[in-house]
Amino acid sequence: MEMENYPDAITWFENDILNPPPLDDSVFSLIDLSDTYLLMAADSNVSKHWIRYYNC
């Protein structure tokens, strides 16, 4: 996320949530995933692209 590569970060967190090793990891991934969506929404350049991506 430091490089604003939100789609890769979201994919990684979603994969960790769907295939969790221990419960703690999936809980932290849920928190990190929601933070990623908030950061992405705050970045106006990325949020415009993301809206187009999901509206296709």
PDB file of N, CA and C in Angstrom:
ATOM      1  N   MET A   1       0.811  -1.190   0.000  1.00  0.00           N
ATOM      2  CA  MET A   1       0.000   0.000   0.000  1.00  0.00           C
ATOM      3  C   MET A   1       0.856   1.255   0.000  1.00  0.00           C
ATOM      4  N   GLU A   2       2.088   1.155   0.434  1.00  0.00           N
ATOM      5  CA  GLU A   2       2.937   2.336   0.466  1.00  0.00           C
ATOM      6  C   GLU A   2       3.161   2.893  -0.929  1.00  0.00           C
ATOM      7  N   MET A   3       3.119   2.025  -1.946  1.00  0.00           N
ATOM      8  CA  MET A   3       3.328   2.462  -3.318  1.00  0.00           C
ATOM      9  C   MET A   3       1.999   2.731  -4.019  1.00  0.00           C
ATOM     10  N   GLU A   4       0.914   2.777  -3.254  1.00  0.00           N
ATOM     11  CA  GLU A   4      -0.436   3.029  -3.764  1.00  0.00           C
ATOM     12  C   GLU A   4      -0.851   2.005  -4.821  1.00  0.00           C
ATOM     13  N   ASN A   5      -0.422   0.768  -4.632  1.00  0.00           N
ATOM     14  CA  ASN A   5      -0.826  -0.323  -5.506  1.00  0.00           C
ATOM     15  C   ASN A   5      -2.023  -1.014  -4.848  1.00  0.00           C
ATOM     16  N   TYR A   6      -3.146  -0.313  -4.838  1.00  0.00           N
ATOM     17  CA  TYR A   6      -4.318  -0.770  -4.113  1.00  0.00           C
ATOM     18  C   TYR A   6      -4.901  -2.083  -4.637  1.00  0.00           C
ATOM     19  N   PRO A   7      -5.052  -2.281  -5.938  1.00  0.00           N
ATOM     20  CA  PRO A   7      -5.638  -3.544  -6.406  1.00  0.00           C
ATOM     21  C   PRO A   7      -4.853  -4.778  -5.951  1.00  0.00           C
ATOM     22  N   ASP A   8      -3.522  -4.721  -5.984  1.00  0.00           N
ATOM     23  CA  ASP A   8      -2.727  -5.861  -5.518  1.00  0.00           C
ATOM     24  C   ASP A   8      -2.889  -6.072  -4.018  1.00  0.00           C
ATOM     25  N   ALA A   9      -2.927  -4.985  -3.265  1.00  0.00           N
ATOM     26  CA  ALA A   9      -3.106  -5.099  -1.817  1.00  0.00           C
ATOM     27  C   ALA A   9      -4.475  -5.677  -1.491  1.00  0.00           C
ATOM     28  N   ILE A  10      -5.504  -5.224  -2.186  1.00  0.00           N
ATOM     29  CA  ILE A  10      -6.859  -5.727  -1.953  1.00  0.00           C
ATOM     30  C   ILE A  10      -6.935  -7.212  -2.278  1.00  0.00           C
ATOM     31  N   THR A  11      -6.340  -7.608  -3.392  1.00  0.00           N
ATOM     32  CA  THR A  11      -6.330  -9.025  -3.768  1.00  0.00           C
ATOM     33  C   THR A  11      -5.630  -9.858  -2.703  1.00  0.00           C
ATOM     34  N   TRP A  12      -4.508  -9.371  -2.196  1.00  0.00           N
ATOM     35  CA  TRP A  12      -3.753 -10.112  -1.180  1.00  0.00           C
ATOM     36  C   TRP A  12      -4.573 -10.265   0.096  1.00  0.00           C
ATOM     37  N   PHE A  13      -5.204  -9.173   0.558  1.00  0.00           N
ATOM     38  CA  PHE A  13      -6.002  -9.236   1.781  1.00  0.00           C
ATOM     39  C   PHE A  13      -7.217 -10.141   1.601  1.00  0.00           C
ATOM     40  N   GLU A  14      -7.896 -10.040   0.449  1.00  0.00           N
ATOM     41  CA  GLU A  14      -9.058 -10.894   0.204  1.00  0.00           C
ATOM     42  C   GLU A  14      -8.657 -12.364   0.177  1.00  0.00           C
ATOM     43  N   ASN A  15      -7.518 -12.678  -0.414  1.00  0.00           N
ATOM     44  CA  ASN A  15      -7.037 -14.057  -0.436  1.00  0.00           C
ATOM     45  C   ASN A  15      -6.729 -14.544   0.978  1.00  0.00           C
ATOM     46  N   ASP A  16      -6.140 -13.691   1.792  1.00  0.00           N
ATOM     47  CA  ASP A  16      -5.830 -14.050   3.175  1.00  0.00           C
ATOM     48  C   ASP A  16      -7.109 -14.270   3.979  1.00  0.00           C
ATOM     49  N   ILE A  17      -8.148 -13.505   3.689  1.00  0.00           N
ATOM     50  CA  ILE A  17      -9.423 -13.657   4.393  1.00  0.00           C
ATOM     51  C   ILE A  17     -10.113 -14.954   3.978  1.00  0.00           C
ATOM     52  N   LEU A  18     -10.077 -15.263   2.681  1.00  0.00           N
ATOM     53  CA  LEU A  18     -10.746 -16.465   2.180  1.00  0.00           C
ATOM     54  C   LEU A  18      -9.991 -17.747   2.509  1.00  0.00           C
ATOM     55  N   ASN A  19      -8.677 -17.661   2.695  1.00  0.00           N
ATOM     56  CA  ASN A  19      -7.848 -18.832   2.993  1.00  0.00           C
ATOM     57  C   ASN A  19      -6.976 -18.551   4.215  1.00  0.00           C
ATOM     58  N   PRO A  20      -7.614 -18.329   5.362  1.00  0.00           N
ATOM     59  CA  PRO A  20      -6.836 -17.901   6.528  1.00  0.00           C
ATOM     60  C   PRO A  20      -6.083 -19.049   7.191  1.00  0.00           C
ATOM     61  N   PRO A  21      -4.810 -18.817   7.513  1.00  0.00           N
ATOM     62  CA  PRO A  21      -4.113 -19.806   8.337  1.00  0.00           C
ATOM     63  C   PRO A  21      -4.700 -19.765   9.757  1.00  0.00           C
ATOM     64  N   PRO A  22      -4.335 -18.826  10.607  1.00  0.00           N
ATOM     65  CA  PRO A  22      -4.995 -18.686  11.909  1.00  0.00           C
ATOM     66  C   PRO A  22      -6.040 -17.568  11.875  1.00  0.00           C
ATOM     67  N   LEU A  23      -6.902 -17.575  12.849  1.00  0.00           N
ATOM     68  CA  LEU A  23      -7.976 -16.582  12.934  1.00  0.00           C
ATOM     69  C   LEU A  23      -7.422 -15.161  13.037  1.00  0.00           C
ATOM     70  N   ASP A  24      -6.352 -14.982  13.794  1.00  0.00           N
ATOM     71  CA  ASP A  24      -5.776 -13.638  13.961  1.00  0.00           C
ATOM     72  C   ASP A  24      -5.421 -13.004  12.623  1.00  0.00           C
ATOM     73  N   ASP A  25      -4.826 -13.788  11.720  1.00  0.00           N
ATOM     74  CA  ASP A  25      -4.425 -13.239  10.424  1.00  0.00           C
ATOM     75  C   ASP A  25      -5.623 -12.755   9.623  1.00  0.00           C
ATOM     76  N   SER A  26      -6.715 -13.508   9.648  1.00  0.00           N
ATOM     77  CA  SER A  26      -7.880 -13.087   8.874  1.00  0.00           C
ATOM     78  C   SER A  26      -8.524 -11.842   9.481  1.00  0.00           C
ATOM     79  N   VAL A  27      -8.497 -11.709  10.788  1.00  0.00           N
ATOM     80  CA  VAL A  27      -9.045 -10.513  11.439  1.00  0.00           C
ATOM     81  C   VAL A  27      -8.206  -9.288  11.073  1.00  0.00           C
ATOM     82  N   PHE A  28      -6.883  -9.435  11.135  1.00  0.00           N
ATOM     83  CA  PHE A  28      -6.013  -8.320  10.760  1.00  0.00           C
ATOM     84  C   PHE A  28      -6.168  -7.979   9.286  1.00  0.00           C
ATOM     85  N   SER A  29      -6.383  -8.982   8.450  1.00  0.00           N
ATOM     86  CA  SER A  29      -6.583  -8.725   7.022  1.00  0.00           C
ATOM     87  C   SER A  29      -7.878  -7.970   6.775  1.00  0.00           C
ATOM     88  N   LEU A  30      -8.920  -8.275   7.531  1.00  0.00           N
ATOM     89  CA  LEU A  30     -10.173  -7.521   7.404  1.00  0.00           C
ATOM     90  C   LEU A  30      -9.958  -6.050   7.752  1.00  0.00           C
ATOM     91  N   ILE A  31      -9.216  -5.811   8.813  1.00  0.00           N
ATOM     92  CA  ILE A  31      -8.926  -4.432   9.213  1.00  0.00           C
ATOM     93  C   ILE A  31      -8.091  -3.741   8.145  1.00  0.00           C
ATOM     94  N   ASP A  32      -7.047  -4.417   7.665  1.00  0.00           N
ATOM     95  CA  ASP A  32      -6.181  -3.831   6.642  1.00  0.00           C
ATOM     96  C   ASP A  32      -6.926  -3.608   5.334  1.00  0.00           C
ATOM     97  N   LEU A  33      -7.829  -4.511   4.989  1.00  0.00           N
ATOM     98  CA  LEU A  33      -8.610  -4.360   3.763  1.00  0.00           C
ATOM     99  C   LEU A  33      -9.494  -3.117   3.843  1.00  0.00           C
ATOM    100  N   SER A  34     -10.148  -2.916   4.978  1.00  0.00           N
ATOM    101  CA  SER A  34     -10.994  -1.724   5.114  1.00  0.00           C
ATOM    102  C   SER A  34     -10.148  -0.451   5.092  1.00  0.00           C
ATOM    103  N   ASP A  35      -8.967  -0.490   5.701  1.00  0.00           N
ATOM    104  CA  ASP A  35      -8.064   0.667   5.631  1.00  0.00           C
ATOM    105  C   ASP A  35      -7.632   0.943   4.196  1.00  0.00           C
ATOM    106  N   THR A  36      -7.391  -0.118   3.429  1.00  0.00           N
ATOM    107  CA  THR A  36      -6.987   0.038   2.029  1.00  0.00           C
ATOM    108  C   THR A  36      -8.085   0.720   1.228  1.00  0.00           C
ATOM    109  N   TYR A  37      -9.331   0.303   1.435  1.00  0.00           N
ATOM    110  CA  TYR A  37     -10.444   0.947   0.733  1.00  0.00           C
ATOM    111  C   TYR A  37     -10.561   2.422   1.120  1.00  0.00           C
ATOM    112  N   LEU A  38     -10.339   2.741   2.388  1.00  0.00           N
ATOM    113  CA  LEU A  38     -10.398   4.140   2.821  1.00  0.00           C
ATOM    114  C   LEU A  38      -9.274   4.963   2.202  1.00  0.00           C
ATOM    115  N   LEU A  39      -8.062   4.409   2.170  1.00  0.00           N
ATOM    116  CA  LEU A  39      -6.942   5.113   1.543  1.00  0.00           C
ATOM    117  C   LEU A  39      -7.190   5.321   0.057  1.00  0.00           C
ATOM    118  N   MET A  40      -7.731   4.303  -0.591  1.00  0.00           N
ATOM    119  CA  MET A  40      -7.994   4.396  -2.018  1.00  0.00           C
ATOM    120  C   MET A  40      -9.067   5.451  -2.297  1.00  0.00           C
ATOM    121  N   ALA A  41     -10.084   5.509  -1.463  1.00  0.00           N
ATOM    122  CA  ALA A  41     -11.140   6.502  -1.642  1.00  0.00           C
ATOM    123  C   ALA A  41     -10.607   7.916  -1.426  1.00  0.00           C
ATOM    124  N   ALA A  42      -9.632   8.057  -0.540  1.00  0.00           N
ATOM    125  CA  ALA A  42      -9.056   9.374  -0.277  1.00  0.00           C
ATOM    126  C   ALA A  42      -8.146   9.834  -1.409  1.00  0.00           C
ATOM    127  N   ASP A  43      -7.615   8.896  -2.179  1.00  0.00           N
ATOM    128  CA  ASP A  43      -6.739   9.222  -3.308  1.00  0.00           C
ATOM    129  C   ASP A  43      -7.624   9.453  -4.524  1.00  0.00           C
ATOM    130  N   SER A  44      -7.844  10.697  -4.876  1.00  0.00           N
ATOM    131  CA  SER A  44      -8.804  11.032  -5.934  1.00  0.00           C
ATOM    132  C   SER A  44      -8.426  10.433  -7.282  1.00  0.00           C
ATOM    133  N   ASN A  45      -7.145  10.320  -7.600  1.00  0.00           N
ATOM    134  CA  ASN A  45      -6.741   9.750  -8.888  1.00  0.00           C
ATOM    135  C   ASN A  45      -7.091   8.273  -8.981  1.00  0.00           C
ATOM    136  N   VAL A  46      -6.873   7.542  -7.905  1.00  0.00           N
ATOM    137  CA  VAL A  46      -7.141   6.106  -7.922  1.00  0.00           C
ATOM    138  C   VAL A  46      -8.631   5.838  -7.843  1.00  0.00           C
ATOM    139  N   SER A  47      -9.358   6.597  -7.036  1.00  0.00           N
ATOM    140  CA  SER A  47     -10.776   6.315  -6.864  1.00  0.00           C
ATOM    141  C   SER A  47     -11.544   6.486  -8.168  1.00  0.00           C
ATOM    142  N   LYS A  48     -11.149   7.435  -9.016  1.00  0.00           N
ATOM    143  CA  LYS A  48     -11.818   7.593 -10.311  1.00  0.00           C
ATOM    144  C   LYS A  48     -11.597   6.365 -11.177  1.00  0.00           C
ATOM    145  N   HIS A  49     -10.363   5.861 -11.192  1.00  0.00           N
ATOM    146  CA  HIS A  49     -10.053   4.658 -11.968  1.00  0.00           C
ATOM    147  C   HIS A  49     -10.794   3.457 -11.404  1.00  0.00           C
ATOM    148  N   TRP A  50     -10.847   3.343 -10.092  1.00  0.00           N
ATOM    149  CA  TRP A  50     -11.471   2.187  -9.450  1.00  0.00           C
ATOM    150  C   TRP A  50     -12.970   2.149  -9.743  1.00  0.00           C
ATOM    151  N   ILE A  51     -13.614   3.301  -9.750  1.00  0.00           N
ATOM    152  CA  ILE A  51     -15.047   3.356 -10.056  1.00  0.00           C
ATOM    153  C   ILE A  51     -15.293   2.878 -11.480  1.00  0.00           C
ATOM    154  N   ARG A  52     -14.473   3.313 -12.424  1.00  0.00           N
ATOM    155  CA  ARG A  52     -14.617   2.853 -13.808  1.00  0.00           C
ATOM    156  C   ARG A  52     -14.382   1.352 -13.899  1.00  0.00           C
ATOM    157  N   TYR A  53     -13.421   0.831 -13.147  1.00  0.00           N
ATOM    158  CA  TYR A  53     -13.074  -0.590 -13.184  1.00  0.00           C
ATOM    159  C   TYR A  53     -14.250  -1.446 -12.722  1.00  0.00           C
ATOM    160  N   TYR A  54     -14.914  -1.039 -11.642  1.00  0.00           N
ATOM    161  CA  TYR A  54     -16.001  -1.845 -11.113  1.00  0.00           C
ATOM    162  C   TYR A  54     -17.338  -1.605 -11.806  1.00  0.00           C
ATOM    163  N   ASN A  55     -17.485  -0.525 -12.535  1.00  0.00           N
ATOM    164  CA  ASN A  55     -18.738  -0.263 -13.238  1.00  0.00           C
ATOM    165  C   ASN A  55     -18.795  -0.918 -14.612  1.00  0.00           C
ATOM    166  N   CYS A  56     -17.722  -1.572 -15.034  1.00  0.00           N
ATOM    167  CA  CYS A  56     -17.703  -2.211 -16.360  1.00  0.00           C
ATOM    168  C   CYS A  56     -18.561  -3.448 -16.401  1.00  0.00           C
TER     169      CYS A  56
END
